[in-house]
Amino acid sequence: MSLVSLLLTLCWMAVFGEVFSIVLMVLLCGNLQLALVSGAIFGIYSAGTFLQKAKAWEVRPAWRQTQCEVLVAGVSCADTETRSTCGGYRLGSMPSGSPPVFLTEEIAVCPGTYWCGKEQEMCTCNGEITYAPELFDGEIYTVPEAERAYKVVSNGTWRCGTDQSGQPFAVDPAPWHIKHCWCTPAEILGIVKKHGGQSLHKKECSEAANFDFENSQLSQRRLQSEEGEEEQDEEGGEGGEAPERLLHSSRRRRTYSYTPWALVSVSKNEDLDFGYGDGGSASKHLSCAYEYGIPAASSANYRSDGSYSGDVWIAEGVAQEWGNHSSRTCWVRTTGEAGERLQTCAVALEKPGTLQAVAEESQSVVWKVFWWGLGISLGLTACSFVPLRRVFRQTFGRNSSPDAQSLTRSP
């Protein structure tokens, strides 16, 4: 019972007596029980829905195994309430490692664009600056790659919110919203250009992958019928079993979500034939890869109450591991919007089936929380009835005692 409930109970005891205070306690316990059960039922429903989507998303015929080269890695952060940039972190900078790995505190998004300041502040950048409210909202990228209206070239410090001539932008890109500046360093621009950056469609790919994930159950039956024909030997792949991580936390709602990402060069060979070109050719495509091929799944996985807390270090460890083993097995989705219309668009760095296992563990935890909460609430309710019964017995006992005494004294 909360402190407020306890204080209310004490006030009732002082003013109205013990009976009313116990009745109030019973009502409070009932409300607590209702809140716990209602919250648990909603959590069970959400976890079950996510599990069904994960099963449909990871049907094996929908994925092809190939090789990926990790060129850049990092962790993006989004505020789940405002769907904007996370606060409380320092200004970013270009990492010195190879491949470069952006730490969480640098708030970098794929392919390696880090936060460098708010509007009217000075942004230190040797590369290209993008001016916008946010670049990534936890599920999709918000600025098309071809959008040039709010991008400037910088060779040092630049006042955020000014165009190439140094004057404020003539048109506000998002009135009544706080804008920020992000820097894509010259080194990252060089990596993108070297590996064919024209094939990198972040916004379109994230939208297509999210659409496929939400509608993946529609094609699950057709794909499952093909599983026996498409089995591949993947025992030696890099994508081993992932540690257990919960997609739906049993703790209170948190604010920040984190998404590990990697800019990868995806090989196209005989194991990944989309029906055009030479199957044995060494052509490659550039793509933003995630644990399960979709940014929203990781965003739901890693949460924190604020900066430098919660799952931030776990998410950062995932990105660092990708940077330590840059050449690795990956899986490319070949069906749906992200696999047919936009090829090599949904790239997973974890073996298909991992997300389903994580979702099942999450559902199991939600059920455990439900039974524990139900048991505690029932126990509190039962305990509150014990003093209530005692008080009623004493009250009615006192009222009946004079009658009993008169009967015993009569001749």
Protein backbone atom coordinates (compact mmCIF):
# COMPACT_ATOMS: atom_id res chain seq x y z
CA MET A 1 0.00 0.00 0.00
CA SER A 2 1.32 3.45 -0.87
CA LEU A 3 2.17 6.18 1.65
CA VAL A 4 -0.87 8.21 0.54
CA SER A 5 -3.18 5.27 1.19
CA LEU A 6 -1.64 4.77 4.64
CA LEU A 7 -2.13 8.42 5.55
CA LEU A 8 -5.74 8.30 4.40
CA THR A 9 -6.32 5.23 6.53
CA LEU A 10 -4.86 6.93 9.61
CA CYS A 11 -7.08 9.98 9.05
CA TRP A 12 -10.17 7.80 8.80
CA MET A 13 -9.19 6.01 12.01
CA ALA A 14 -8.81 9.29 13.85
CA VAL A 15 -12.07 10.80 12.62
CA PHE A 16 -14.51 7.96 12.02
CA GLY A 17 -13.12 5.12 14.05
CA GLU A 18 -11.66 1.72 13.44
CA VAL A 19 -14.56 0.22 11.46
CA PHE A 20 -14.51 2.84 8.75
CA SER A 21 -10.72 2.70 8.46
CA ILE A 22 -10.79 -1.05 7.93
CA VAL A 23 -13.55 -0.70 5.33
CA LEU A 24 -11.40 1.87 3.57
CA MET A 25 -8.46 -0.51 3.66
CA VAL A 26 -10.58 -3.22 2.04
CA LEU A 27 -11.59 -0.84 -0.74
CA LEU A 28 -7.99 0.23 -1.31
CA CYS A 29 -6.85 -3.38 -1.50
CA GLY A 30 -9.62 -4.07 -3.99
CA ASN A 31 -8.53 -1.16 -6.17
CA LEU A 32 -4.92 -2.33 -5.94
CA GLN A 33 -5.94 -5.81 -7.00
CA LEU A 34 -7.94 -4.46 -9.93
CA ALA A 35 -5.03 -2.28 -11.08
CA LEU A 36 -2.54 -5.14 -10.86
CA VAL A 37 -4.76 -7.58 -12.73
CA SER A 38 -5.72 -5.04 -15.41
CA GLY A 39 -2.09 -4.06 -16.01
CA ALA A 40 -0.99 -7.68 -16.15
CA ILE A 41 -3.75 -8.60 -18.62
CA PHE A 42 -2.70 -5.74 -20.89
CA GLY A 43 0.94 -6.84 -20.62
CA ILE A 44 0.00 -10.45 -21.44
CA TYR A 45 -1.95 -9.30 -24.49
CA SER A 46 0.90 -7.06 -25.71
CA ALA A 47 3.52 -9.76 -25.18
CA GLY A 48 1.36 -12.34 -26.95
CA THR A 49 0.77 -10.04 -29.92
CA PHE A 50 4.48 -9.31 -30.22
CA LEU A 51 5.30 -13.01 -30.02
CA GLN A 52 2.94 -13.79 -32.91
CA LYS A 53 4.54 -11.05 -35.00
CA ALA A 54 8.02 -12.33 -34.16
CA LYS A 55 7.10 -15.87 -35.22
CA ALA A 56 5.72 -14.65 -38.54
CA TRP A 57 8.66 -12.28 -39.10
CA GLU A 58 11.28 -14.99 -38.57
CA VAL A 59 9.79 -17.76 -40.75
CA ARG A 60 12.93 -19.30 -42.23
CA PRO A 61 12.02 -19.25 -45.97
CA ALA A 62 11.79 -15.46 -45.70
CA TRP A 63 15.52 -15.15 -44.96
CA ARG A 64 18.73 -15.97 -46.84
CA GLN A 65 22.11 -16.40 -45.21
CA THR A 66 25.03 -14.42 -46.61
CA GLN A 67 28.13 -12.51 -45.48
CA CYS A 68 28.23 -8.93 -44.22
CA GLU A 69 31.13 -6.60 -43.63
CA VAL A 70 30.50 -4.16 -40.77
CA LEU A 71 31.78 -0.75 -41.86
CA VAL A 72 30.43 1.38 -38.98
CA ALA A 73 28.45 0.57 -35.82
CA GLY A 74 26.70 2.53 -33.11
CA VAL A 75 23.63 3.00 -30.91
CA SER A 76 20.81 5.45 -31.61
CA CYS A 77 18.60 6.86 -28.85
CA ALA A 78 15.03 8.17 -28.98
CA ASP A 79 12.67 9.56 -26.35
CA THR A 80 9.65 7.24 -26.39
CA GLU A 81 7.26 9.95 -25.19
CA THR A 82 8.27 12.78 -27.53
CA ARG A 83 9.69 10.48 -30.26
CA SER A 84 12.60 12.90 -30.50
CA THR A 85 16.26 13.09 -29.53
CA CYS A 86 17.42 11.95 -26.09
CA GLY A 87 18.68 14.62 -23.73
CA GLY A 88 21.42 14.45 -21.12
CA TYR A 89 24.23 13.20 -23.35
CA ARG A 90 27.35 15.03 -24.44
CA LEU A 91 28.15 16.27 -27.94
CA GLY A 92 29.34 13.53 -30.27
CA SER A 93 32.59 13.09 -32.17
CA MET A 94 34.15 10.82 -34.76
CA PRO A 95 35.50 7.56 -33.23
CA SER A 96 39.10 6.62 -33.91
CA GLY A 97 38.71 2.84 -34.20
CA SER A 98 38.43 0.71 -37.30
CA PRO A 99 35.67 0.07 -37.96
CA PRO A 100 34.43 3.14 -36.09
CA VAL A 101 31.93 2.41 -33.29
CA PHE A 102 29.84 5.30 -31.96
CA LEU A 103 29.09 5.04 -28.24
CA THR A 104 25.55 5.60 -26.98
CA GLU A 105 26.37 9.00 -25.52
CA GLU A 106 27.17 10.31 -29.00
CA ILE A 107 23.54 9.74 -30.13
CA ALA A 108 24.58 8.60 -33.59
CA VAL A 109 22.28 7.15 -36.23
CA CYS A 110 23.16 5.03 -39.24
CA PRO A 111 25.41 5.46 -41.24
CA GLY A 112 27.37 7.41 -38.60
CA THR A 113 25.69 10.78 -38.08
CA TYR A 114 26.11 12.11 -34.54
CA TRP A 115 24.41 14.90 -32.57
CA CYS A 116 26.50 18.09 -32.46
CA GLY A 117 24.22 20.73 -30.93
CA LYS A 118 20.87 22.50 -30.64
CA GLU A 119 19.69 25.34 -32.86
CA GLN A 120 21.65 28.57 -32.37
CA GLU A 121 24.49 26.63 -30.71
CA MET A 122 27.86 26.04 -32.34
CA CYS A 123 28.30 22.64 -33.98
CA THR A 124 31.80 21.27 -34.47
CA CYS A 125 31.85 19.21 -37.64
CA ASN A 126 34.23 18.39 -40.46
CA GLY A 127 31.76 17.01 -42.95
CA GLU A 128 28.05 17.51 -43.58
CA ILE A 129 25.54 19.02 -41.10
CA THR A 130 21.82 18.16 -41.14
CA TYR A 131 19.33 20.52 -39.46
CA ALA A 132 16.08 18.87 -38.26
CA PRO A 133 14.03 18.08 -35.10
CA GLU A 134 15.29 14.48 -35.19
CA LEU A 135 16.73 11.93 -37.62
CA PHE A 136 15.34 8.75 -36.03
CA ASP A 137 12.26 8.29 -33.82
CA GLY A 138 12.92 4.78 -32.56
CA GLU A 139 11.21 3.05 -35.49
CA ILE A 140 11.88 4.93 -38.72
CA TYR A 141 14.32 7.50 -40.10
CA THR A 142 12.58 10.82 -40.55
CA VAL A 143 14.77 12.59 -43.14
CA PRO A 144 15.12 11.12 -46.66
CA GLU A 145 18.69 10.57 -47.80
CA ALA A 146 18.09 12.72 -50.87
CA GLU A 147 16.83 15.69 -48.82
CA ARG A 148 19.36 18.51 -49.31
CA ALA A 149 17.39 21.61 -48.31
CA TYR A 150 18.66 21.64 -44.71
CA LYS A 151 22.17 20.29 -45.17
CA VAL A 152 25.36 22.33 -45.20
CA VAL A 153 29.05 21.53 -45.63
CA SER A 154 31.25 22.38 -42.65
CA ASN A 155 35.02 22.39 -42.15
CA GLY A 156 35.04 23.35 -38.48
CA THR A 157 32.49 25.10 -36.28
CA TRP A 158 29.09 26.13 -37.61
CA ARG A 159 26.13 27.89 -36.04
CA CYS A 160 23.27 25.43 -35.95
CA GLY A 161 20.26 26.67 -37.93
CA THR A 162 22.10 28.66 -40.60
CA ASP A 163 22.39 27.86 -44.31
CA GLN A 164 25.54 27.62 -46.41
CA SER A 165 25.81 31.42 -46.55
CA GLY A 166 25.71 31.66 -42.76
CA GLN A 167 22.19 33.13 -42.65
CA PRO A 168 19.21 31.55 -40.84
CA PHE A 169 17.25 29.18 -43.03
CA ALA A 170 14.50 31.06 -44.87
CA VAL A 171 11.91 28.38 -44.08
CA ASP A 172 11.65 26.71 -40.68
CA PRO A 173 11.74 22.91 -41.24
CA ALA A 174 9.53 22.27 -38.20
CA PRO A 175 7.79 25.31 -36.64
CA TRP A 176 7.17 25.13 -32.88
CA HIS A 177 9.64 22.26 -32.53
CA ILE A 178 13.16 22.30 -31.12
CA LYS A 179 15.66 21.67 -33.89
CA HIS A 180 19.08 20.06 -33.66
CA CYS A 181 22.16 19.65 -35.81
CA TRP A 182 23.77 16.34 -36.70
CA CYS A 183 27.19 15.86 -38.23
CA THR A 184 28.12 13.21 -40.77
CA PRO A 185 31.95 13.28 -40.64
CA ALA A 186 33.98 13.31 -43.84
CA GLU A 187 35.34 9.87 -42.92
CA ILE A 188 31.80 8.42 -42.87
CA LEU A 189 30.92 10.16 -46.14
CA GLY A 190 34.02 8.56 -47.65
CA ILE A 191 33.00 5.09 -46.45
CA VAL A 192 29.50 5.52 -47.88
CA LYS A 193 30.81 6.75 -51.23
CA LYS A 194 33.40 3.97 -51.46
CA HIS A 195 30.81 1.23 -50.97
CA GLY A 196 28.06 2.59 -53.22
CA GLY A 197 26.05 4.93 -51.04
CA GLN A 198 23.39 5.33 -53.71
CA SER A 199 21.87 2.02 -52.52
CA LEU A 200 21.40 3.26 -48.94
CA HIS A 201 17.72 4.12 -48.45
CA LYS A 202 17.37 4.36 -44.67
CA LYS A 203 13.96 6.00 -44.45
CA GLU A 204 12.34 3.85 -47.12
CA CYS A 205 13.89 0.67 -45.72
CA SER A 206 12.79 1.33 -42.13
CA GLU A 207 9.24 2.08 -43.30
CA ALA A 208 9.12 -1.05 -45.46
CA ALA A 209 10.54 -3.26 -42.68
CA ASN A 210 8.04 -1.92 -40.14
CA PHE A 211 5.19 -2.51 -42.60
CA ASP A 212 6.33 -6.09 -43.18
CA PHE A 213 6.70 -6.73 -39.45
CA GLU A 214 3.20 -5.49 -38.68
CA ASN A 215 1.73 -7.53 -41.56
CA SER A 216 4.08 -10.52 -41.53
CA GLN A 217 1.38 -12.87 -40.20
CA LEU A 218 -0.52 -12.53 -43.49
CA SER A 219 2.18 -14.40 -45.40
CA GLN A 220 3.30 -16.76 -42.63
CA ARG A 221 1.23 -19.76 -43.79
CA ARG A 222 2.57 -19.57 -47.35
CA LEU A 223 6.17 -19.27 -46.18
CA GLN A 224 5.91 -22.10 -43.65
CA SER A 225 4.81 -24.46 -46.41
CA GLU A 226 8.13 -23.81 -48.14
CA GLU A 227 10.35 -24.41 -45.10
CA GLY A 228 11.20 -27.97 -46.05
CA GLU A 229 12.47 -26.89 -49.44
CA GLU A 230 14.65 -24.03 -48.27
CA GLU A 231 16.68 -25.48 -45.35
CA GLN A 232 20.27 -24.31 -45.16
CA ASP A 233 23.20 -25.34 -43.02
CA GLU A 234 23.90 -22.41 -40.69
CA GLU A 235 25.67 -24.17 -37.82
CA GLY A 236 28.95 -22.32 -38.42
CA GLY A 237 27.45 -18.82 -38.58
CA GLU A 238 28.35 -15.88 -36.39
CA GLY A 239 24.79 -15.44 -35.16
CA GLY A 240 24.82 -17.74 -32.13
CA GLU A 241 22.40 -17.73 -29.26
CA ALA A 242 21.81 -14.29 -27.85
CA PRO A 243 21.55 -13.67 -24.11
CA GLU A 244 18.04 -13.49 -22.72
CA ARG A 245 16.63 -10.01 -23.01
CA LEU A 246 13.12 -8.86 -22.26
CA LEU A 247 11.06 -6.98 -24.81
CA HIS A 248 8.50 -5.79 -22.27
CA SER A 249 9.90 -4.70 -18.94
CA SER A 250 7.98 -5.53 -15.77
CA ARG A 251 9.21 -2.28 -14.25
CA ARG A 252 7.56 1.10 -14.61
CA ARG A 253 7.43 2.84 -17.95
CA ARG A 254 10.74 4.24 -19.05
CA THR A 255 11.60 7.13 -21.32
CA TYR A 256 14.56 6.35 -23.59
CA SER A 257 14.85 3.55 -26.14
CA TYR A 258 18.11 2.39 -27.72
CA THR A 259 18.72 0.74 -31.09
CA PRO A 260 22.07 -0.88 -31.94
CA TRP A 261 22.78 -0.51 -35.66
CA ALA A 262 25.52 -1.30 -38.14
CA LEU A 263 26.30 0.02 -41.60
CA VAL A 264 27.09 -3.14 -43.56
CA SER A 265 28.19 -4.09 -47.03
CA VAL A 266 26.05 -7.07 -48.06
CA SER A 267 27.49 -9.63 -50.46
CA LYS A 268 25.37 -10.81 -53.35
CA ASN A 269 26.32 -14.31 -54.46
CA GLU A 270 24.77 -17.67 -55.28
CA ASP A 271 23.40 -17.96 -51.73
CA LEU A 272 21.47 -14.71 -52.13
CA ASP A 273 19.88 -14.63 -55.56
CA PHE A 274 17.14 -12.08 -56.11
CA GLY A 275 16.57 -13.18 -59.67
CA TYR A 276 18.75 -10.77 -61.58
CA GLY A 277 22.40 -10.47 -62.51
CA ASP A 278 25.09 -13.12 -62.32
CA GLY A 279 24.49 -15.35 -59.31
CA GLY A 280 28.24 -15.68 -58.70
CA SER A 281 29.04 -12.00 -59.03
CA ALA A 282 30.73 -10.15 -56.20
CA SER A 283 28.44 -7.12 -56.31
CA LYS A 284 27.57 -5.60 -52.95
CA HIS A 285 24.94 -3.31 -51.50
CA LEU A 286 25.08 -0.91 -48.59
CA SER A 287 22.45 -1.28 -45.87
CA CYS A 288 21.69 -0.42 -42.24
CA ALA A 289 21.52 -3.69 -40.27
CA TYR A 290 19.98 -4.45 -36.88
CA GLU A 291 19.81 -7.41 -34.52
CA TYR A 292 16.58 -8.77 -36.00
CA GLY A 293 16.41 -6.85 -39.28
CA ILE A 294 14.01 -4.20 -37.96
CA PRO A 295 14.91 -1.22 -35.72
CA ALA A 296 11.60 -1.26 -33.81
CA ALA A 297 12.31 -4.69 -32.27
CA SER A 298 15.55 -3.50 -30.66
CA SER A 299 13.97 -0.19 -29.61
CA ALA A 300 11.38 -2.16 -27.65
CA ASN A 301 14.15 -4.24 -26.11
CA TYR A 302 16.53 -1.65 -24.63
CA ARG A 303 15.08 1.04 -22.34
CA SER A 304 16.19 3.40 -19.57
CA ASP A 305 14.73 6.06 -17.27
CA GLY A 306 17.21 8.62 -18.58
CA SER A 307 20.77 9.07 -19.77
CA TYR A 308 23.54 6.72 -18.64
CA SER A 309 21.21 4.21 -17.00
CA GLY A 310 19.13 1.10 -17.61
CA ASP A 311 19.94 -0.99 -20.68
CA VAL A 312 22.21 1.61 -22.26
CA TRP A 313 25.36 -0.42 -21.57
CA ILE A 314 23.84 -3.65 -22.91
CA ALA A 315 22.89 -1.96 -26.17
CA GLU A 316 26.32 -0.39 -26.41
CA GLY A 317 27.95 -3.78 -25.88
CA VAL A 318 26.02 -5.18 -28.85
CA ALA A 319 27.39 -2.46 -31.15
CA GLN A 320 30.93 -2.92 -29.82
CA GLU A 321 30.77 -6.67 -30.44
CA TRP A 322 29.78 -6.02 -34.05
CA GLY A 323 32.76 -3.69 -34.41
CA ASN A 324 35.13 -6.29 -32.93
CA HIS A 325 34.02 -8.93 -35.47
CA SER A 326 33.43 -6.90 -38.60
CA SER A 327 33.21 -9.83 -41.04
CA ARG A 328 30.24 -11.93 -40.01
CA THR A 329 27.33 -14.05 -41.13
CA CYS A 330 24.09 -12.14 -41.60
CA TRP A 331 20.58 -12.81 -42.89
CA VAL A 332 18.70 -10.81 -45.51
CA ARG A 333 14.92 -10.82 -45.82
CA THR A 334 13.81 -11.73 -49.34
CA THR A 335 10.02 -11.34 -49.10
CA GLY A 336 7.62 -8.46 -48.60
CA GLU A 337 8.25 -4.78 -49.18
CA ALA A 338 11.71 -4.90 -47.60
CA GLY A 339 12.80 -7.96 -49.59
CA GLU A 340 11.20 -7.70 -52.99
CA ARG A 341 10.64 -4.04 -53.80
CA LEU A 342 13.63 -2.77 -51.78
CA GLN A 343 16.24 -5.53 -51.98
CA THR A 344 18.84 -6.08 -49.20
CA CYS A 345 16.73 -3.71 -47.10
CA ALA A 346 16.06 -5.77 -43.94
CA VAL A 347 19.38 -7.20 -42.73
CA ALA A 348 19.59 -9.14 -39.44
CA LEU A 349 22.83 -9.79 -37.57
CA GLU A 350 21.20 -12.38 -35.30
CA LYS A 351 20.08 -15.80 -36.52
CA PRO A 352 16.35 -16.01 -37.36
CA GLY A 353 14.53 -17.44 -34.36
CA THR A 354 16.39 -15.33 -31.80
CA LEU A 355 13.68 -12.68 -31.62
CA GLN A 356 11.04 -15.36 -31.11
CA ALA A 357 13.01 -16.81 -28.19
CA VAL A 358 13.35 -13.37 -26.62
CA ALA A 359 9.62 -12.70 -27.08
CA GLU A 360 8.74 -16.05 -25.47
CA GLU A 361 10.92 -15.26 -22.46
CA SER A 362 9.27 -11.85 -22.20
CA GLN A 363 5.82 -13.43 -22.25
CA SER A 364 6.88 -15.89 -19.54
CA VAL A 365 8.03 -13.05 -17.29
CA VAL A 366 4.75 -11.19 -17.80
CA TRP A 367 2.81 -14.28 -16.72
CA LYS A 368 4.99 -14.64 -13.63
CA VAL A 369 4.37 -11.01 -12.72
CA PHE A 370 0.64 -11.59 -13.19
CA TRP A 371 0.51 -14.57 -10.81
CA TRP A 372 2.73 -12.89 -8.21
CA GLY A 373 0.67 -9.70 -8.34
CA LEU A 374 -2.58 -11.62 -8.10
CA GLY A 375 -1.33 -13.61 -5.11
CA ILE A 376 -0.11 -10.51 -3.28
CA SER A 377 -3.32 -8.58 -3.89
CA LEU A 378 -5.49 -11.50 -2.75
CA GLY A 379 -3.33 -11.88 0.35
CA LEU A 380 -3.70 -8.20 1.22
CA THR A 381 -7.45 -8.42 0.74
CA ALA A 382 -7.69 -11.50 2.96
CA CYS A 383 -5.60 -9.87 5.68
CA SER A 384 -7.84 -6.80 5.67
CA PHE A 385 -10.93 -8.94 6.33
CA VAL A 386 -9.47 -10.42 9.54
CA PRO A 387 -9.54 -7.18 11.60
CA LEU A 388 -12.85 -6.24 9.97
CA ARG A 389 -14.42 -9.49 11.20
CA ARG A 390 -12.97 -8.97 14.68
CA VAL A 391 -14.36 -5.42 14.93
CA PHE A 392 -17.82 -6.48 13.79
CA ARG A 393 -17.87 -9.35 16.30
CA GLN A 394 -16.87 -6.99 19.10
CA THR A 395 -19.46 -4.41 18.04
CA PHE A 396 -22.37 -6.81 17.78
CA GLY A 397 -21.18 -8.63 20.89
CA ARG A 398 -21.38 -5.41 22.94
CA ASN A 399 -24.83 -4.63 21.59
CA SER A 400 -26.20 -8.04 22.53
CA SER A 401 -24.62 -8.30 26.00
CA PRO A 402 -27.27 -6.21 27.90
CA ASP A 403 -30.05 -8.45 26.60
CA ALA A 404 -28.13 -11.50 27.66
CA GLN A 405 -27.54 -10.03 31.13
CA SER A 406 -31.27 -9.17 31.62
CA LEU A 407 -32.25 -12.71 30.77
CA THR A 408 -29.86 -14.18 33.29
CA ARG A 409 -31.10 -11.86 36.10
CA SER A 410 -34.85 -12.39 35.58
CA PRO A 411 -36.62 -14.82 38.06
